[in-house]
Amino acid sequence: MQKLSVLVAVTFLSPLALGVTPLFIGPEQVTDGGVPIDVGYYGAPAMYDWNLDGAKDLILGQFTEGKIRLYENKGTDQAPEFDGYTFFQSGGNDITLPYG
């Protein structure tokens, strides 16, 4: 834990020590077919190249019903494009995780 704390401190403070002002870019809303993605509250996103096509896909856990959505990236990592999602399934049934 101590090593992690030192690494975090060095990562964030070294630009200041070198006289470089860090540039933070504001959040950008992710859309699906031009509509903002909204799974309610407590969404749990992760990016992973699920279909091995070279572009990272969006895997998104949703609190409501405990389901997991897969948005396949039709664009690139730099300019992702999502158009619809499927739920993770096993044996033809949606996988659900405990929630609530």
PDB file of N, CA and C in Angstrom:
ATOM      1  N   MET A   1       0.822  -1.188   0.000  1.00  0.00           N
ATOM      2  CA  MET A   1       0.000   0.000   0.000  1.00  0.00           C
ATOM      3  C   MET A   1       0.869   1.256   0.000  1.00  0.00           C
ATOM      4  N   GLN A   2       1.977   1.191   0.754  1.00  0.00           N
ATOM      5  CA  GLN A   2       2.862   2.354   0.832  1.00  0.00           C
ATOM      6  C   GLN A   2       3.483   2.638  -0.536  1.00  0.00           C
ATOM      7  N   LYS A   3       3.863   1.580  -1.260  1.00  0.00           N
ATOM      8  CA  LYS A   3       4.448   1.769  -2.585  1.00  0.00           C
ATOM      9  C   LYS A   3       3.439   2.429  -3.522  1.00  0.00           C
ATOM     10  N   LEU A   4       2.175   2.014  -3.425  1.00  0.00           N
ATOM     11  CA  LEU A   4       1.135   2.598  -4.254  1.00  0.00           C
ATOM     12  C   LEU A   4       0.962   4.075  -3.940  1.00  0.00           C
ATOM     13  N   SER A   5       0.989   4.432  -2.660  1.00  0.00           N
ATOM     14  CA  SER A   5       0.842   5.834  -2.266  1.00  0.00           C
ATOM     15  C   SER A   5       1.975   6.683  -2.824  1.00  0.00           C
ATOM     16  N   VAL A   6       3.192   6.157  -2.766  1.00  0.00           N
ATOM     17  CA  VAL A   6       4.349   6.882  -3.289  1.00  0.00           C
ATOM     18  C   VAL A   6       4.233   7.030  -4.799  1.00  0.00           C
ATOM     19  N   LEU A   7       3.818   5.961  -5.483  1.00  0.00           N
ATOM     20  CA  LEU A   7       3.669   6.006  -6.936  1.00  0.00           C
ATOM     21  C   LEU A   7       2.617   7.040  -7.340  1.00  0.00           C
ATOM     22  N   VAL A   8       1.496   7.054  -6.656  1.00  0.00           N
ATOM     23  CA  VAL A   8       0.443   8.028  -6.955  1.00  0.00           C
ATOM     24  C   VAL A   8       0.949   9.446  -6.721  1.00  0.00           C
ATOM     25  N   ALA A   9       1.632   9.669  -5.608  1.00  0.00           N
ATOM     26  CA  ALA A   9       2.143  11.003  -5.292  1.00  0.00           C
ATOM     27  C   ALA A   9       3.147  11.465  -6.339  1.00  0.00           C
ATOM     28  N   VAL A  10       4.065  10.589  -6.736  1.00  0.00           N
ATOM     29  CA  VAL A  10       5.073  10.947  -7.737  1.00  0.00           C
ATOM     30  C   VAL A  10       4.408  11.234  -9.080  1.00  0.00           C
ATOM     31  N   THR A  11       3.440  10.415  -9.450  1.00  0.00           N
ATOM     32  CA  THR A  11       2.753  10.590 -10.727  1.00  0.00           C
ATOM     33  C   THR A  11       2.061  11.942 -10.817  1.00  0.00           C
ATOM     34  N   PHE A  12       1.389  12.341  -9.749  1.00  0.00           N
ATOM     35  CA  PHE A  12       0.611  13.578  -9.796  1.00  0.00           C
ATOM     36  C   PHE A  12       1.410  14.822  -9.425  1.00  0.00           C
ATOM     37  N   LEU A  13       2.454  14.672  -8.641  1.00  0.00           N
ATOM     38  CA  LEU A  13       3.205  15.845  -8.196  1.00  0.00           C
ATOM     39  C   LEU A  13       4.424  16.152  -9.054  1.00  0.00           C
ATOM     40  N   SER A  14       4.941  15.166  -9.792  1.00  0.00           N
ATOM     41  CA  SER A  14       6.149  15.419 -10.585  1.00  0.00           C
ATOM     42  C   SER A  14       5.951  16.497 -11.650  1.00  0.00           C
ATOM     43  N   PRO A  15       4.810  16.561 -12.342  1.00  0.00           N
ATOM     44  CA  PRO A  15       4.657  17.674 -13.304  1.00  0.00           C
ATOM     45  C   PRO A  15       4.715  19.034 -12.628  1.00  0.00           C
ATOM     46  N   LEU A  16       4.192  19.153 -11.420  1.00  0.00           N
ATOM     47  CA  LEU A  16       4.228  20.419 -10.705  1.00  0.00           C
ATOM     48  C   LEU A  16       5.659  20.784 -10.315  1.00  0.00           C
ATOM     49  N   ALA A  17       6.423  19.785  -9.900  1.00  0.00           N
ATOM     50  CA  ALA A  17       7.810  20.027  -9.503  1.00  0.00           C
ATOM     51  C   ALA A  17       8.654  20.459 -10.704  1.00  0.00           C
ATOM     52  N   LEU A  18       8.300  20.004 -11.878  1.00  0.00           N
ATOM     53  CA  LEU A  18       9.041  20.345 -13.087  1.00  0.00           C
ATOM     54  C   LEU A  18       8.534  21.632 -13.727  1.00  0.00           C
ATOM     55  N   GLY A  19       7.550  22.264 -13.106  1.00  0.00           N
ATOM     56  CA  GLY A  19       7.017  23.510 -13.636  1.00  0.00           C
ATOM     57  C   GLY A  19       6.032  23.321 -14.772  1.00  0.00           C
ATOM     58  N   VAL A  20       5.553  22.097 -14.929  1.00  0.00           N
ATOM     59  CA  VAL A  20       4.585  21.805 -15.981  1.00  0.00           C
ATOM     60  C   VAL A  20       3.192  21.778 -15.352  1.00  0.00           C
ATOM     61  N   THR A  21       2.300  22.522 -15.931  1.00  0.00           N
ATOM     62  CA  THR A  21       0.934  22.533 -15.423  1.00  0.00           C
ATOM     63  C   THR A  21       0.168  21.367 -16.035  1.00  0.00           C
ATOM     64  N   PRO A  22      -0.382  20.488 -15.192  1.00  0.00           N
ATOM     65  CA  PRO A  22      -1.134  19.358 -15.756  1.00  0.00           C
ATOM     66  C   PRO A  22      -2.397  19.851 -16.448  1.00  0.00           C
ATOM     67  N   LEU A  23      -2.765  19.186 -17.508  1.00  0.00           N
ATOM     68  CA  LEU A  23      -3.958  19.533 -18.263  1.00  0.00           C
ATOM     69  C   LEU A  23      -4.971  18.419 -18.090  1.00  0.00           C
ATOM     70  N   PHE A  24      -6.085  18.759 -17.471  1.00  0.00           N
ATOM     71  CA  PHE A  24      -7.150  17.793 -17.295  1.00  0.00           C
ATOM     72  C   PHE A  24      -8.282  18.165 -18.236  1.00  0.00           C
ATOM     73  N   ILE A  25      -8.735  17.209 -19.004  1.00  0.00           N
ATOM     74  CA  ILE A  25      -9.835  17.439 -19.928  1.00  0.00           C
ATOM     75  C   ILE A  25     -11.104  16.951 -19.249  1.00  0.00           C
ATOM     76  N   GLY A  26     -12.140  17.737 -19.344  1.00  0.00           N
ATOM     77  CA  GLY A  26     -13.395  17.414 -18.677  1.00  0.00           C
ATOM     78  C   GLY A  26     -13.991  16.092 -19.131  1.00  0.00           C
ATOM     79  N   PRO A  27     -14.981  15.617 -18.409  1.00  0.00           N
ATOM     80  CA  PRO A  27     -15.607  14.342 -18.776  1.00  0.00           C
ATOM     81  C   PRO A  27     -16.337  14.468 -20.112  1.00  0.00           C
ATOM     82  N   GLU A  28     -16.424  13.382 -20.788  1.00  0.00           N
ATOM     83  CA  GLU A  28     -17.128  13.342 -22.062  1.00  0.00           C
ATOM     84  C   GLU A  28     -18.199  12.265 -21.955  1.00  0.00           C
ATOM     85  N   GLN A  29     -19.407  12.602 -22.330  1.00  0.00           N
ATOM     86  CA  GLN A  29     -20.509  11.653 -22.234  1.00  0.00           C
ATOM     87  C   GLN A  29     -20.402  10.628 -23.356  1.00  0.00           C
ATOM     88  N   VAL A  30     -20.505   9.369 -22.992  1.00  0.00           N
ATOM     89  CA  VAL A  30     -20.435   8.282 -23.965  1.00  0.00           C
ATOM     90  C   VAL A  30     -21.841   8.045 -24.505  1.00  0.00           C
ATOM     91  N   THR A  31     -21.928   7.915 -25.825  1.00  0.00           N
ATOM     92  CA  THR A  31     -23.245   7.742 -26.438  1.00  0.00           C
ATOM     93  C   THR A  31     -23.351   6.408 -27.158  1.00  0.00           C
ATOM     94  N   ASP A  32     -24.581   5.979 -27.334  1.00  0.00           N
ATOM     95  CA  ASP A  32     -24.909   4.767 -28.074  1.00  0.00           C
ATOM     96  C   ASP A  32     -25.890   5.189 -29.161  1.00  0.00           C
ATOM     97  N   GLY A  33     -25.427   5.224 -30.399  1.00  0.00           N
ATOM     98  CA  GLY A  33     -26.282   5.682 -31.489  1.00  0.00           C
ATOM     99  C   GLY A  33     -26.685   7.137 -31.334  1.00  0.00           C
ATOM    100  N   GLY A  34     -25.808   7.942 -30.732  1.00  0.00           N
ATOM    101  CA  GLY A  34     -26.075   9.363 -30.541  1.00  0.00           C
ATOM    102  C   GLY A  34     -26.848   9.700 -29.281  1.00  0.00           C
ATOM    103  N   VAL A  35     -27.278   8.693 -28.521  1.00  0.00           N
ATOM    104  CA  VAL A  35     -28.037   8.905 -27.284  1.00  0.00           C
ATOM    105  C   VAL A  35     -27.125   8.567 -26.098  1.00  0.00           C
ATOM    106  N   PRO A  36     -27.064   9.441 -25.080  1.00  0.00           N
ATOM    107  CA  PRO A  36     -26.205   9.156 -23.922  1.00  0.00           C
ATOM    108  C   PRO A  36     -26.541   7.805 -23.276  1.00  0.00           C
ATOM    109  N   ILE A  37     -25.499   7.047 -22.945  1.00  0.00           N
ATOM    110  CA  ILE A  37     -25.692   5.765 -22.274  1.00  0.00           C
ATOM    111  C   ILE A  37     -26.046   6.041 -20.819  1.00  0.00           C
ATOM    112  N   ASP A  38     -27.118   5.409 -20.357  1.00  0.00           N
ATOM    113  CA  ASP A  38     -27.585   5.603 -18.990  1.00  0.00           C
ATOM    114  C   ASP A  38     -28.092   4.271 -18.453  1.00  0.00           C
ATOM    115  N   VAL A  39     -27.405   3.747 -17.446  1.00  0.00           N
ATOM    116  CA  VAL A  39     -27.854   2.509 -16.807  1.00  0.00           C
ATOM    117  C   VAL A  39     -28.431   2.797 -15.429  1.00  0.00           C
ATOM    118  N   GLY A  40     -28.853   4.026 -15.222  1.00  0.00           N
ATOM    119  CA  GLY A  40     -29.349   4.400 -13.901  1.00  0.00           C
ATOM    120  C   GLY A  40     -28.174   4.874 -13.068  1.00  0.00           C
ATOM    121  N   TYR A  41     -28.105   4.433 -11.859  1.00  0.00           N
ATOM    122  CA  TYR A  41     -27.006   4.831 -10.993  1.00  0.00           C
ATOM    123  C   TYR A  41     -26.106   3.638 -10.697  1.00  0.00           C
ATOM    124  N   TYR A  42     -24.930   3.937 -10.250  1.00  0.00           N
ATOM    125  CA  TYR A  42     -23.914   2.934  -9.904  1.00  0.00           C
ATOM    126  C   TYR A  42     -23.494   2.071 -11.095  1.00  0.00           C
ATOM    127  N   GLY A  43     -23.358   2.664 -12.270  1.00  0.00           N
ATOM    128  CA  GLY A  43     -22.839   1.930 -13.415  1.00  0.00           C
ATOM    129  C   GLY A  43     -21.382   1.570 -13.168  1.00  0.00           C
ATOM    130  N   ALA A  44     -20.942   0.436 -13.685  1.00  0.00           N
ATOM    131  CA  ALA A  44     -19.564  -0.020 -13.495  1.00  0.00           C
ATOM    132  C   ALA A  44     -18.948  -0.311 -14.861  1.00  0.00           C
ATOM    133  N   PRO A  45     -18.296   0.694 -15.485  1.00  0.00           N
ATOM    134  CA  PRO A  45     -17.754   0.502 -16.832  1.00  0.00           C
ATOM    135  C   PRO A  45     -16.345  -0.085 -16.834  1.00  0.00           C
ATOM    136  N   ALA A  46     -16.038  -0.794 -17.906  1.00  0.00           N
ATOM    137  CA  ALA A  46     -14.688  -1.297 -18.171  1.00  0.00           C
ATOM    138  C   ALA A  46     -14.522  -1.347 -19.685  1.00  0.00           C
ATOM    139  N   MET A  47     -13.300  -1.106 -20.141  1.00  0.00           N
ATOM    140  CA  MET A  47     -13.003  -1.177 -21.576  1.00  0.00           C
ATOM    141  C   MET A  47     -12.111  -2.397 -21.812  1.00  0.00           C
ATOM    142  N   TYR A  48     -12.493  -3.220 -22.795  1.00  0.00           N
ATOM    143  CA  TYR A  48     -11.746  -4.434 -23.110  1.00  0.00           C
ATOM    144  C   TYR A  48     -12.085  -4.844 -24.538  1.00  0.00           C
ATOM    145  N   ASP A  49     -11.099  -5.288 -25.284  1.00  0.00           N
ATOM    146  CA  ASP A  49     -11.336  -5.734 -26.662  1.00  0.00           C
ATOM    147  C   ASP A  49     -11.957  -7.130 -26.619  1.00  0.00           C
ATOM    148  N   TRP A  50     -13.242  -7.179 -26.378  1.00  0.00           N
ATOM    149  CA  TRP A  50     -13.972  -8.423 -26.169  1.00  0.00           C
ATOM    150  C   TRP A  50     -13.965  -9.308 -27.417  1.00  0.00           C
ATOM    151  N   ASN A  51     -14.168  -8.708 -28.588  1.00  0.00           N
ATOM    152  CA  ASN A  51     -14.265  -9.491 -29.820  1.00  0.00           C
ATOM    153  C   ASN A  51     -12.950  -9.562 -30.599  1.00  0.00           C
ATOM    154  N   LEU A  52     -11.873  -9.093 -29.991  1.00  0.00           N
ATOM    155  CA  LEU A  52     -10.516  -9.184 -30.558  1.00  0.00           C
ATOM    156  C   LEU A  52     -10.404  -8.561 -31.955  1.00  0.00           C
ATOM    157  N   ASP A  53     -11.096  -7.432 -32.181  1.00  0.00           N
ATOM    158  CA  ASP A  53     -11.017  -6.760 -33.469  1.00  0.00           C
ATOM    159  C   ASP A  53     -10.060  -5.567 -33.452  1.00  0.00           C
ATOM    160  N   GLY A  54      -9.374  -5.350 -32.326  1.00  0.00           N
ATOM    161  CA  GLY A  54      -8.404  -4.264 -32.225  1.00  0.00           C
ATOM    162  C   GLY A  54      -8.960  -2.988 -31.619  1.00  0.00           C
ATOM    163  N   ALA A  55     -10.262  -2.913 -31.393  1.00  0.00           N
ATOM    164  CA  ALA A  55     -10.890  -1.739 -30.773  1.00  0.00           C
ATOM    165  C   ALA A  55     -11.522  -2.167 -29.445  1.00  0.00           C
ATOM    166  N   LYS A  56     -11.265  -1.381 -28.397  1.00  0.00           N
ATOM    167  CA  LYS A  56     -11.786  -1.737 -27.080  1.00  0.00           C
ATOM    168  C   LYS A  56     -13.299  -1.527 -27.036  1.00  0.00           C
ATOM    169  N   ASP A  57     -13.984  -2.539 -26.537  1.00  0.00           N
ATOM    170  CA  ASP A  57     -15.428  -2.511 -26.386  1.00  0.00           C
ATOM    171  C   ASP A  57     -15.767  -2.048 -24.972  1.00  0.00           C
ATOM    172  N   LEU A  58     -17.005  -1.628 -24.768  1.00  0.00           N
ATOM    173  CA  LEU A  58     -17.456  -1.157 -23.462  1.00  0.00           C
ATOM    174  C   LEU A  58     -18.250  -2.259 -22.781  1.00  0.00           C
ATOM    175  N   ILE A  59     -17.784  -2.667 -21.609  1.00  0.00           N
ATOM    176  CA  ILE A  59     -18.509  -3.624 -20.775  1.00  0.00           C
ATOM    177  C   ILE A  59     -19.016  -2.825 -19.592  1.00  0.00           C
ATOM    178  N   LEU A  60     -20.323  -2.885 -19.370  1.00  0.00           N
ATOM    179  CA  LEU A  60     -20.938  -1.992 -18.404  1.00  0.00           C
ATOM    180  C   LEU A  60     -21.883  -2.751 -17.490  1.00  0.00           C
ATOM    181  N   GLY A  61     -21.499  -2.834 -16.205  1.00  0.00           N
ATOM    182  CA  GLY A  61     -22.386  -3.446 -15.219  1.00  0.00           C
ATOM    183  C   GLY A  61     -23.446  -2.451 -14.816  1.00  0.00           C
ATOM    184  N   GLN A  62     -24.660  -2.926 -14.670  1.00  0.00           N
ATOM    185  CA  GLN A  62     -25.739  -2.039 -14.251  1.00  0.00           C
ATOM    186  C   GLN A  62     -26.279  -2.514 -12.918  1.00  0.00           C
ATOM    187  N   PHE A  63     -26.535  -1.580 -12.032  1.00  0.00           N
ATOM    188  CA  PHE A  63     -27.015  -1.887 -10.692  1.00  0.00           C
ATOM    189  C   PHE A  63     -28.399  -2.526 -10.748  1.00  0.00           C
ATOM    190  N   THR A  64     -29.295  -1.941 -11.536  1.00  0.00           N
ATOM    191  CA  THR A  64     -30.646  -2.466 -11.635  1.00  0.00           C
ATOM    192  C   THR A  64     -30.627  -3.838 -12.298  1.00  0.00           C
ATOM    193  N   GLU A  65     -31.157  -4.813 -11.671  1.00  0.00           N
ATOM    194  CA  GLU A  65     -31.245  -6.199 -12.132  1.00  0.00           C
ATOM    195  C   GLU A  65     -29.907  -6.917 -12.178  1.00  0.00           C
ATOM    196  N   GLY A  66     -28.793  -6.233 -11.891  1.00  0.00           N
ATOM    197  CA  GLY A  66     -27.485  -6.876 -11.833  1.00  0.00           C
ATOM    198  C   GLY A  66     -26.999  -7.454 -13.149  1.00  0.00           C
ATOM    199  N   LYS A  67     -27.423  -6.884 -14.265  1.00  0.00           N
ATOM    200  CA  LYS A  67     -27.023  -7.408 -15.570  1.00  0.00           C
ATOM    201  C   LYS A  67     -25.747  -6.722 -16.065  1.00  0.00           C
ATOM    202  N   ILE A  68     -25.118  -7.336 -17.070  1.00  0.00           N
ATOM    203  CA  ILE A  68     -23.884  -6.806 -17.649  1.00  0.00           C
ATOM    204  C   ILE A  68     -24.113  -6.581 -19.135  1.00  0.00           C
ATOM    205  N   ARG A  69     -23.904  -5.334 -19.572  1.00  0.00           N
ATOM    206  CA  ARG A  69     -24.086  -4.981 -20.980  1.00  0.00           C
ATOM    207  C   ARG A  69     -22.758  -5.019 -21.724  1.00  0.00           C
ATOM    208  N   LEU A  70     -22.816  -5.410 -22.985  1.00  0.00           N
ATOM    209  CA  LEU A  70     -21.657  -5.359 -23.878  1.00  0.00           C
ATOM    210  C   LEU A  70     -21.999  -4.457 -25.056  1.00  0.00           C
ATOM    211  N   TYR A  71     -21.250  -3.365 -25.175  1.00  0.00           N
ATOM    212  CA  TYR A  71     -21.369  -2.454 -26.314  1.00  0.00           C
ATOM    213  C   TYR A  71     -20.146  -2.690 -27.195  1.00  0.00           C
ATOM    214  N   GLU A  72     -20.337  -3.259 -28.381  1.00  0.00           N
ATOM    215  CA  GLU A  72     -19.208  -3.488 -29.279  1.00  0.00           C
ATOM    216  C   GLU A  72     -18.830  -2.183 -29.963  1.00  0.00           C
ATOM    217  N   ASN A  73     -17.536  -1.882 -29.954  1.00  0.00           N
ATOM    218  CA  ASN A  73     -17.015  -0.649 -30.540  1.00  0.00           C
ATOM    219  C   ASN A  73     -16.892  -0.822 -32.051  1.00  0.00           C
ATOM    220  N   LYS A  74     -17.654  -0.033 -32.791  1.00  0.00           N
ATOM    221  CA  LYS A  74     -17.598  -0.066 -34.261  1.00  0.00           C
ATOM    222  C   LYS A  74     -16.587   0.941 -34.800  1.00  0.00           C
ATOM    223  N   GLY A  75     -16.034   1.773 -33.905  1.00  0.00           N
ATOM    224  CA  GLY A  75     -15.062   2.787 -34.309  1.00  0.00           C
ATOM    225  C   GLY A  75     -13.656   2.372 -33.915  1.00  0.00           C
ATOM    226  N   THR A  76     -12.905   3.326 -33.386  1.00  0.00           N
ATOM    227  CA  THR A  76     -11.537   3.075 -32.929  1.00  0.00           C
ATOM    228  C   THR A  76     -11.445   3.408 -31.451  1.00  0.00           C
ATOM    229  N   ASP A  77     -10.292   3.127 -30.854  1.00  0.00           N
ATOM    230  CA  ASP A  77     -10.093   3.488 -29.451  1.00  0.00           C
ATOM    231  C   ASP A  77     -10.123   5.004 -29.270  1.00  0.00           C
ATOM    232  N   GLN A  78      -9.613   5.739 -30.252  1.00  0.00           N
ATOM    233  CA  GLN A  78      -9.581   7.200 -30.176  1.00  0.00           C
ATOM    234  C   GLN A  78     -10.952   7.823 -30.440  1.00  0.00           C
ATOM    235  N   ALA A  79     -11.770   7.181 -31.255  1.00  0.00           N
ATOM    236  CA  ALA A  79     -13.107   7.682 -31.580  1.00  0.00           C
ATOM    237  C   ALA A  79     -14.096   6.514 -31.553  1.00  0.00           C
ATOM    238  N   PRO A  80     -14.440   6.056 -30.349  1.00  0.00           N
ATOM    239  CA  PRO A  80     -15.333   4.896 -30.252  1.00  0.00           C
ATOM    240  C   PRO A  80     -16.743   5.208 -30.739  1.00  0.00           C
ATOM    241  N   GLU A  81     -17.368   4.200 -31.340  1.00  0.00           N
ATOM    242  CA  GLU A  81     -18.750   4.314 -31.801  1.00  0.00           C
ATOM    243  C   GLU A  81     -19.505   3.075 -31.334  1.00  0.00           C
ATOM    244  N   PHE A  82     -20.590   3.314 -30.620  1.00  0.00           N
ATOM    245  CA  PHE A  82     -21.406   2.212 -30.113  1.00  0.00           C
ATOM    246  C   PHE A  82     -22.794   2.319 -30.726  1.00  0.00           C
ATOM    247  N   ASP A  83     -23.374   1.178 -31.064  1.00  0.00           N
ATOM    248  CA  ASP A  83     -24.705   1.160 -31.654  1.00  0.00           C
ATOM    249  C   ASP A  83     -25.441  -0.084 -31.162  1.00  0.00           C
ATOM    250  N   GLY A  84     -26.008   0.031 -29.982  1.00  0.00           N
ATOM    251  CA  GLY A  84     -26.740  -1.084 -29.390  1.00  0.00           C
ATOM    252  C   GLY A  84     -25.863  -1.912 -28.467  1.00  0.00           C
ATOM    253  N   TYR A  85     -26.508  -2.732 -27.685  1.00  0.00           N
ATOM    254  CA  TYR A  85     -25.794  -3.587 -26.738  1.00  0.00           C
ATOM    255  C   TYR A  85     -26.491  -4.934 -26.637  1.00  0.00           C
ATOM    256  N   THR A  86     -25.768  -5.890 -26.083  1.00  0.00           N
ATOM    257  CA  THR A  86     -26.332  -7.188 -25.734  1.00  0.00           C
ATOM    258  C   THR A  86     -25.992  -7.441 -24.274  1.00  0.00           C
ATOM    259  N   PHE A  87     -26.784  -8.256 -23.617  1.00  0.00           N
ATOM    260  CA  PHE A  87     -26.474  -8.658 -22.251  1.00  0.00           C
ATOM    261  C   PHE A  87     -25.582  -9.890 -22.294  1.00  0.00           C
ATOM    262  N   PHE A  88     -24.650  -9.984 -21.346  1.00  0.00           N
ATOM    263  CA  PHE A  88     -23.853 -11.203 -21.223  1.00  0.00           C
ATOM    264  C   PHE A  88     -24.810 -12.341 -20.893  1.00  0.00           C
ATOM    265  N   GLN A  89     -24.608 -13.468 -21.550  1.00  0.00           N
ATOM    266  CA  GLN A  89     -25.484 -14.608 -21.335  1.00  0.00           C
ATOM    267  C   GLN A  89     -24.696 -15.883 -21.106  1.00  0.00           C
ATOM    268  N   SER A  90     -25.378 -16.835 -20.487  1.00  0.00           N
ATOM    269  CA  SER A  90     -24.848 -18.172 -20.305  1.00  0.00           C
ATOM    270  C   SER A  90     -26.022 -19.128 -20.472  1.00  0.00           C
ATOM    271  N   GLY A  91     -25.889 -20.073 -21.381  1.00  0.00           N
ATOM    272  CA  GLY A  91     -26.964 -21.028 -21.616  1.00  0.00           C
ATOM    273  C   GLY A  91     -28.248 -20.379 -22.105  1.00  0.00           C
ATOM    274  N   GLY A  92     -28.130 -19.253 -22.827  1.00  0.00           N
ATOM    275  CA  GLY A  92     -29.294 -18.573 -23.360  1.00  0.00           C
ATOM    276  C   GLY A  92     -30.006 -17.666 -22.369  1.00  0.00           C
ATOM    277  N   ASN A  93     -29.483 -17.559 -21.151  1.00  0.00           N
ATOM    278  CA  ASN A  93     -30.086 -16.699 -20.124  1.00  0.00           C
ATOM    279  C   ASN A  93     -29.147 -15.568 -19.764  1.00  0.00           C
ATOM    280  N   ASP A  94     -29.722 -14.390 -19.504  1.00  0.00           N
ATOM    281  CA  ASP A  94     -28.903 -13.245 -19.072  1.00  0.00           C
ATOM    282  C   ASP A  94     -28.202 -13.569 -17.761  1.00  0.00           C
ATOM    283  N   ILE A  95     -26.919 -13.230 -17.694  1.00  0.00           N
ATOM    284  CA  ILE A  95     -26.166 -13.399 -16.443  1.00  0.00           C
ATOM    285  C   ILE A  95     -26.556 -12.261 -15.526  1.00  0.00           C
ATOM    286  N   THR A  96     -26.866 -12.574 -14.290  1.00  0.00           N
ATOM    287  CA  THR A  96     -27.164 -11.524 -13.302  1.00  0.00           C
ATOM    288  C   THR A  96     -26.268 -11.719 -12.091  1.00  0.00           C
ATOM    289  N   LEU A  97     -25.910 -10.606 -11.495  1.00  0.00           N
ATOM    290  CA  LEU A  97     -25.080 -10.604 -10.296  1.00  0.00           C
ATOM    291  C   LEU A  97     -25.898 -10.014  -9.153  1.00  0.00           C
ATOM    292  N   PRO A  98     -25.546 -10.336  -7.917  1.00  0.00           N
ATOM    293  CA  PRO A  98     -26.295  -9.750  -6.798  1.00  0.00           C
ATOM    294  C   PRO A  98     -26.239  -8.226  -6.848  1.00  0.00           C
ATOM    295  N   TYR A  99     -27.330  -7.606  -6.503  1.00  0.00           N
ATOM    296  CA  TYR A  99     -27.409  -6.147  -6.476  1.00  0.00           C
ATOM    297  C   TYR A  99     -28.348  -5.741  -5.355  1.00  0.00           C
ATOM    298  N   GLY A 100     -28.312  -4.460  -5.033  1.00  0.00           N
ATOM    299  CA  GLY A 100     -29.274  -3.963  -4.049  1.00  0.00           C
ATOM    300  C   GLY A 100     -28.714  -3.596  -2.754  1.00  0.00           C
TER     301      GLY A 100
END
